[in-house]
Amino acid sequence: MDLFDILISASFWAAAIRIASPLIFATMGELVCERAGVLNLGIEGIMVAGAFAGWIAVWAGLPLWGGVAVAFAVGMALGGVHGILSVPFGLSQHVVGIGMTLLATSLTFYTYRVVLPEVSSPPKIEAFQAFEIPFLSKIPVLGPALFAQTPLTYAAFVLVIVTSLVLYRTPLGLAVRAAGENPSAVAAQGLSVTAIRIGAVMVGSGFMAVGGAFLTMSAFDSFFFDMVNGRGWICIALVVFGAWKPGKALLGAILFAAFDAFQIRLQQTPIGAVVPYQVFLMMPYLLSILALVVMSRRAEVPAALMVPFNKGER
């Protein structure tokens, strides 16, 4: 199979959409946080906690969508801690975010050992199965890629639409964007900048946790600690790549996922027999860094991102 055949194959694009799905959830979550003026570097740990929470809830007997709800709730709780420390207390958002990643991963590890102390390998669950949308799934190339995925993948695309509509078509979205651009104007309207920012961080963190839950409940059927594998940090870069716009961030997630799916297939070609596999593994990151550099030069950062706000101060 040559390179062109890889790029036009339905299986390649189906894999790219599947790889992009957890990135879409987490990127939308980070975008909501940053639009409100808060940089959430706890995303990696929140995704780990969400992956574990959703999986263990289903293993304990909840339905799959119940597991998604549990993951979302855990993400919101962690986001609440992050929001309280970084917004009203005004602590460094960098330090709080990294601390949240350490806290969430440590709590996850501790809970895993308490709940499953004697288990050498994690138990499996019945994960989400692919659902083919009638007629649409039969479209060549596009059908299997977009319309023969699991329900959580469809939910990821719906989330992009909902996020865009809320941010740009509702008073709530206007308030969130204003909190990240001009919080003094928000306060002048009698709204609480603190409440808006904490709420945005909580909801965004919930989306991040669902992105982690996708890995255990849709991509795989079990949990292991290295499964997030740096996806959270990639999502922070995707927000910048997308210029803080949901649609562009979605394209960035699909682009990175396509690079990732492409390198996996390249390893199975004659090129893979002579080139060290480490070269293929770093390809998506190198290409993403290049795209990030090109796109970020024209991006407009929210003016009040990482800027603490105290009512009455200038």
Protein backbone atom coordinates (compact mmCIF):
# COMPACT_ATOMS: atom_id res chain seq x y z
CA MET A 1 0.00 0.00 0.00
CA ASP A 2 1.50 3.37 -1.05
CA LEU A 3 1.05 6.67 0.77
CA PHE A 4 -1.80 7.85 -1.46
CA ASP A 5 -3.74 4.65 -0.88
CA ILE A 6 -3.42 5.19 2.87
CA LEU A 7 -4.76 8.72 2.67
CA ILE A 8 -7.85 7.79 0.63
CA SER A 9 -8.77 4.66 2.57
CA ALA A 10 -11.93 4.65 4.67
CA SER A 11 -10.20 2.77 7.49
CA PHE A 12 -7.57 5.50 7.79
CA TRP A 13 -10.10 8.30 8.23
CA ALA A 14 -12.28 6.19 10.51
CA ALA A 15 -9.23 5.68 12.74
CA ALA A 16 -8.40 9.39 12.61
CA ILE A 17 -11.91 10.37 13.77
CA ARG A 18 -11.74 7.75 16.53
CA ILE A 19 -8.35 9.04 17.73
CA ALA A 20 -9.61 12.64 17.56
CA SER A 21 -12.73 12.03 19.69
CA PRO A 22 -11.15 12.27 23.19
CA LEU A 23 -9.11 15.24 21.98
CA ILE A 24 -12.30 17.01 20.89
CA PHE A 25 -13.93 16.63 24.31
CA ALA A 26 -10.85 17.83 26.20
CA THR A 27 -10.08 20.65 23.74
CA MET A 28 -13.61 22.03 24.05
CA GLY A 29 -13.22 21.88 27.82
CA GLU A 30 -9.93 23.76 27.76
CA LEU A 31 -11.35 26.28 25.29
CA VAL A 32 -14.27 27.08 27.62
CA CYS A 33 -11.87 27.58 30.55
CA GLU A 34 -9.55 29.86 28.60
CA ARG A 35 -12.39 31.83 27.05
CA ALA A 36 -13.39 32.72 30.61
CA GLY A 37 -9.82 33.79 31.42
CA VAL A 38 -8.49 30.70 33.21
CA LEU A 39 -5.66 28.51 31.92
CA ASN A 40 -6.37 24.95 33.08
CA LEU A 41 -3.13 22.97 33.17
CA GLY A 42 -4.85 20.28 35.23
CA ILE A 43 -6.28 18.78 32.04
CA GLU A 44 -3.96 15.76 31.95
CA GLY A 45 -4.82 14.66 35.49
CA ILE A 46 -8.53 15.42 35.01
CA MET A 47 -8.58 13.17 31.94
CA VAL A 48 -6.93 10.37 33.95
CA ALA A 49 -9.49 10.78 36.74
CA GLY A 50 -12.36 10.82 34.24
CA ALA A 51 -11.07 7.70 32.51
CA PHE A 52 -10.93 5.86 35.82
CA ALA A 53 -14.20 7.22 37.24
CA GLY A 54 -16.28 6.32 34.19
CA TRP A 55 -14.75 2.85 33.91
CA ILE A 56 -15.03 1.94 37.60
CA ALA A 57 -18.64 3.20 37.71
CA VAL A 58 -19.62 0.92 34.82
CA TRP A 59 -17.67 -1.97 36.33
CA ALA A 60 -19.62 -1.41 39.57
CA GLY A 61 -22.92 -1.78 37.72
CA LEU A 62 -23.95 1.58 36.26
CA PRO A 63 -24.98 1.78 32.58
CA LEU A 64 -22.50 3.26 30.12
CA TRP A 65 -24.15 6.68 30.05
CA GLY A 66 -24.21 6.57 33.84
CA GLY A 67 -20.44 6.11 33.74
CA VAL A 68 -20.16 9.14 31.46
CA ALA A 69 -22.21 11.16 33.96
CA VAL A 70 -19.96 10.04 36.83
CA ALA A 71 -16.85 11.04 34.86
CA PHE A 72 -18.39 14.44 34.13
CA ALA A 73 -19.25 14.95 37.81
CA VAL A 74 -15.71 14.02 38.91
CA GLY A 75 -14.30 16.45 36.36
CA MET A 76 -16.57 19.21 37.63
CA ALA A 77 -15.51 18.56 41.21
CA LEU A 78 -11.82 18.80 40.30
CA GLY A 79 -12.58 21.89 38.23
CA GLY A 80 -14.30 23.42 41.23
CA VAL A 81 -11.14 23.03 43.31
CA HIS A 82 -9.07 24.49 40.49
CA GLY A 83 -11.48 27.40 40.05
CA ILE A 84 -11.62 28.29 43.74
CA LEU A 85 -7.84 28.27 44.09
CA SER A 86 -7.13 30.22 40.92
CA VAL A 87 -10.03 32.72 40.76
CA PRO A 88 -11.07 34.12 44.18
CA PHE A 89 -7.76 33.21 45.84
CA GLY A 90 -5.81 34.45 42.81
CA LEU A 91 -3.10 31.77 43.00
CA SER A 92 -0.85 31.16 40.02
CA GLN A 93 -2.87 29.31 37.40
CA HIS A 94 0.26 27.50 36.23
CA VAL A 95 1.02 26.17 39.70
CA VAL A 96 -2.60 25.31 40.48
CA GLY A 97 -2.99 23.48 37.17
CA ILE A 98 0.12 21.37 37.60
CA GLY A 99 -0.88 20.70 41.19
CA MET A 100 -4.32 19.54 40.01
CA THR A 101 -2.69 17.13 37.56
CA LEU A 102 -0.57 15.66 40.36
CA LEU A 103 -3.55 15.55 42.74
CA ALA A 104 -5.94 13.93 40.26
CA THR A 105 -3.47 11.26 39.11
CA SER A 106 -2.44 10.47 42.69
CA LEU A 107 -6.04 10.20 43.89
CA THR A 108 -6.82 7.96 40.94
CA PHE A 109 -3.91 5.67 41.73
CA TYR A 110 -4.86 5.54 45.40
CA THR A 111 -8.53 4.82 44.67
CA TYR A 112 -7.60 2.11 42.18
CA ARG A 113 -5.46 0.33 44.79
CA VAL A 114 -8.17 0.65 47.45
CA VAL A 115 -10.98 -0.63 45.21
CA LEU A 116 -8.95 -3.33 43.46
CA PRO A 117 -6.15 -4.25 45.89
CA GLU A 118 -5.63 -7.82 44.72
CA VAL A 119 -6.12 -7.38 40.98
CA SER A 120 -3.02 -7.88 38.83
CA SER A 121 -4.72 -6.79 35.60
CA PRO A 122 -7.74 -4.43 35.45
CA PRO A 123 -11.11 -6.04 34.69
CA LYS A 124 -12.88 -5.34 31.41
CA ILE A 125 -16.27 -3.76 30.84
CA GLU A 126 -18.76 -3.87 27.98
CA ALA A 127 -17.78 -0.67 26.16
CA PHE A 128 -19.74 1.45 23.69
CA GLN A 129 -20.09 -0.28 20.33
CA ALA A 130 -20.02 1.33 16.91
CA PHE A 131 -23.42 2.42 15.64
CA GLU A 132 -23.88 2.74 11.90
CA ILE A 133 -26.27 5.50 10.85
CA PRO A 134 -28.52 4.09 8.11
CA PHE A 135 -27.78 5.24 4.56
CA LEU A 136 -25.13 7.77 5.64
CA SER A 137 -22.69 5.04 6.72
CA LYS A 138 -22.75 3.65 3.15
CA ILE A 139 -21.25 6.80 1.63
CA PRO A 140 -17.79 5.87 0.23
CA VAL A 141 -14.90 6.86 2.53
CA LEU A 142 -16.90 9.55 4.35
CA GLY A 143 -19.59 7.14 5.57
CA PRO A 144 -17.40 4.70 7.54
CA ALA A 145 -15.30 7.58 8.86
CA LEU A 146 -18.10 9.77 10.21
CA PHE A 147 -21.23 7.67 10.43
CA ALA A 148 -20.04 4.29 11.75
CA GLN A 149 -18.59 5.40 15.08
CA THR A 150 -19.52 4.92 18.73
CA PRO A 151 -22.16 7.18 20.36
CA LEU A 152 -19.46 9.09 22.28
CA THR A 153 -17.82 10.12 19.00
CA TYR A 154 -21.12 11.53 17.78
CA ALA A 155 -21.46 13.28 21.13
CA ALA A 156 -18.02 14.88 20.65
CA PHE A 157 -19.12 16.50 17.38
CA VAL A 158 -22.41 17.60 18.91
CA LEU A 159 -20.42 19.19 21.74
CA VAL A 160 -18.48 21.32 19.25
CA ILE A 161 -21.74 22.63 17.79
CA VAL A 162 -23.27 23.27 21.21
CA THR A 163 -20.12 25.01 22.48
CA SER A 164 -20.02 27.27 19.44
CA LEU A 165 -23.73 28.14 19.70
CA VAL A 166 -23.53 28.86 23.42
CA LEU A 167 -20.38 30.99 23.16
CA TYR A 168 -21.51 33.07 20.18
CA ARG A 169 -25.32 32.98 20.23
CA THR A 170 -26.36 33.26 23.89
CA PRO A 171 -26.07 35.86 26.69
CA LEU A 172 -24.27 33.24 28.79
CA GLY A 173 -21.64 32.76 26.10
CA LEU A 174 -21.21 36.52 25.81
CA ALA A 175 -20.65 36.73 29.56
CA VAL A 176 -18.07 33.92 29.45
CA ARG A 177 -16.17 35.54 26.60
CA ALA A 178 -16.34 38.94 28.29
CA ALA A 179 -14.92 37.43 31.49
CA GLY A 180 -11.87 36.44 29.48
CA GLU A 181 -11.62 39.68 27.54
CA ASN A 182 -12.84 42.52 29.77
CA PRO A 183 -13.93 41.34 33.23
CA SER A 184 -14.46 44.94 34.40
CA ALA A 185 -17.26 45.29 31.86
CA VAL A 186 -18.86 42.11 33.21
CA ALA A 187 -18.73 43.45 36.77
CA ALA A 188 -20.16 46.76 35.58
CA GLN A 189 -23.25 44.86 34.37
CA GLY A 190 -23.77 43.49 37.88
CA LEU A 191 -22.54 39.99 37.03
CA SER A 192 -20.06 38.04 39.12
CA VAL A 193 -16.79 37.48 37.27
CA THR A 194 -15.77 35.00 39.96
CA ALA A 195 -18.92 32.89 39.51
CA ILE A 196 -18.65 32.93 35.72
CA ARG A 197 -15.01 31.89 35.75
CA ILE A 198 -15.47 29.13 38.35
CA GLY A 199 -18.54 27.85 36.49
CA ALA A 200 -16.64 27.81 33.19
CA VAL A 201 -13.72 25.91 34.74
CA MET A 202 -16.08 23.37 36.30
CA VAL A 203 -17.99 22.73 33.07
CA GLY A 204 -14.79 22.69 31.00
CA SER A 205 -13.18 20.24 33.41
CA GLY A 206 -16.26 18.03 33.10
CA PHE A 207 -15.74 17.90 29.33
CA MET A 208 -12.08 17.00 29.88
CA ALA A 209 -13.05 14.13 32.16
CA VAL A 210 -15.48 12.79 29.54
CA GLY A 211 -12.59 12.91 27.07
CA GLY A 212 -10.67 10.65 29.42
CA ALA A 213 -13.73 8.41 29.87
CA PHE A 214 -13.86 7.95 26.10
CA LEU A 215 -10.60 6.04 26.31
CA THR A 216 -11.89 3.47 28.82
CA MET A 217 -15.50 3.27 27.63
CA SER A 218 -15.26 3.64 23.85
CA ALA A 219 -11.71 3.27 22.54
CA PHE A 220 -10.85 0.46 24.98
CA ASP A 221 -12.73 -1.58 27.56
CA SER A 222 -10.39 -1.27 30.54
CA PHE A 223 -8.21 1.19 32.43
CA PHE A 224 -4.46 1.60 32.71
CA PHE A 225 -2.55 4.59 34.02
CA ASP A 226 -0.58 5.53 30.90
CA MET A 227 -3.57 5.55 28.56
CA VAL A 228 -3.99 9.35 28.48
CA ASN A 229 -0.33 9.57 27.42
CA GLY A 230 0.04 13.33 27.06
CA ARG A 231 -3.23 13.97 25.23
CA GLY A 232 -4.09 16.70 27.72
CA TRP A 233 -1.04 18.75 26.83
CA ILE A 234 -1.83 18.32 23.12
CA CYS A 235 -5.31 19.73 23.76
CA ILE A 236 -3.85 22.89 25.28
CA ALA A 237 -1.88 23.37 22.05
CA LEU A 238 -4.99 22.65 19.96
CA VAL A 239 -6.83 25.54 21.64
CA VAL A 240 -4.06 27.89 20.50
CA PHE A 241 -4.02 26.26 17.05
CA GLY A 242 -7.76 26.87 16.78
CA ALA A 243 -7.38 30.52 17.81
CA TRP A 244 -9.84 29.89 20.69
CA LYS A 245 -12.63 29.04 18.20
CA PRO A 246 -14.46 25.68 18.46
CA GLY A 247 -14.60 24.98 14.73
CA LYS A 248 -10.91 25.57 14.14
CA ALA A 249 -10.00 23.61 17.27
CA LEU A 250 -12.04 20.68 15.90
CA LEU A 251 -10.06 20.78 12.66
CA GLY A 252 -6.82 20.86 14.67
CA ALA A 253 -7.86 17.76 16.64
CA ILE A 254 -8.68 15.87 13.44
CA LEU A 255 -5.40 17.00 11.87
CA PHE A 256 -3.34 15.74 14.81
CA ALA A 257 -5.30 12.48 14.87
CA ALA A 258 -4.71 12.04 11.14
CA PHE A 259 -0.97 12.47 11.67
CA ASP A 260 -1.13 9.86 14.42
CA ALA A 261 -3.13 7.37 12.34
CA PHE A 262 -0.80 7.98 9.39
CA GLN A 263 2.37 7.18 11.36
CA ILE A 264 0.84 3.91 12.58
CA ARG A 265 0.21 2.82 9.01
CA LEU A 266 3.59 4.01 7.80
CA GLN A 267 5.24 1.58 10.19
CA GLN A 268 3.56 -1.25 8.27
CA THR A 269 4.97 -0.16 4.89
CA PRO A 270 8.46 -0.93 3.48
CA ILE A 271 9.56 2.43 4.92
CA GLY A 272 8.87 1.07 8.39
CA ALA A 273 11.39 -1.70 7.87
CA VAL A 274 14.31 0.73 7.52
CA VAL A 275 13.28 3.74 9.63
CA PRO A 276 13.33 3.43 13.46
CA TYR A 277 9.80 3.38 14.90
CA GLN A 278 10.65 6.29 17.20
CA VAL A 279 10.76 8.54 14.13
CA PHE A 280 7.17 7.63 13.29
CA LEU A 281 6.04 8.17 16.88
CA MET A 282 7.36 11.72 16.95
CA MET A 283 5.92 12.65 13.53
CA PRO A 284 2.47 13.78 14.77
CA TYR A 285 4.08 16.00 17.41
CA LEU A 286 6.59 17.56 15.01
CA LEU A 287 3.93 18.28 12.40
CA SER A 288 1.59 19.63 15.08
CA ILE A 289 4.29 21.95 16.43
CA LEU A 290 4.89 23.24 12.90
CA ALA A 291 1.18 23.84 12.34
CA LEU A 292 0.91 25.47 15.77
CA VAL A 293 3.74 27.89 15.01
CA VAL A 294 2.15 28.87 11.69
CA MET A 295 -1.38 29.31 13.08
CA SER A 296 -0.53 30.92 16.42
CA ARG A 297 1.14 33.90 14.76
CA ARG A 298 -2.32 35.15 13.77
CA ALA A 299 -4.19 34.06 16.90
CA GLU A 300 -5.71 36.63 19.24
CA VAL A 301 -5.27 35.55 22.84
CA PRO A 302 -8.16 36.44 25.20
CA ALA A 303 -7.00 39.73 26.72
CA ALA A 304 -7.65 38.74 30.34
CA LEU A 305 -6.38 35.15 30.11
CA MET A 306 -4.48 34.35 33.36
CA VAL A 307 -5.16 37.88 34.66
CA PRO A 308 -6.68 37.82 38.19
CA PHE A 309 -9.71 40.06 38.70
CA ASN A 310 -10.59 41.86 41.93
CA LYS A 311 -13.69 44.01 41.81
CA GLY A 312 -12.87 47.66 42.23
CA GLU A 313 -9.23 47.31 41.15
CA ARG A 314 -7.84 48.43 37.83
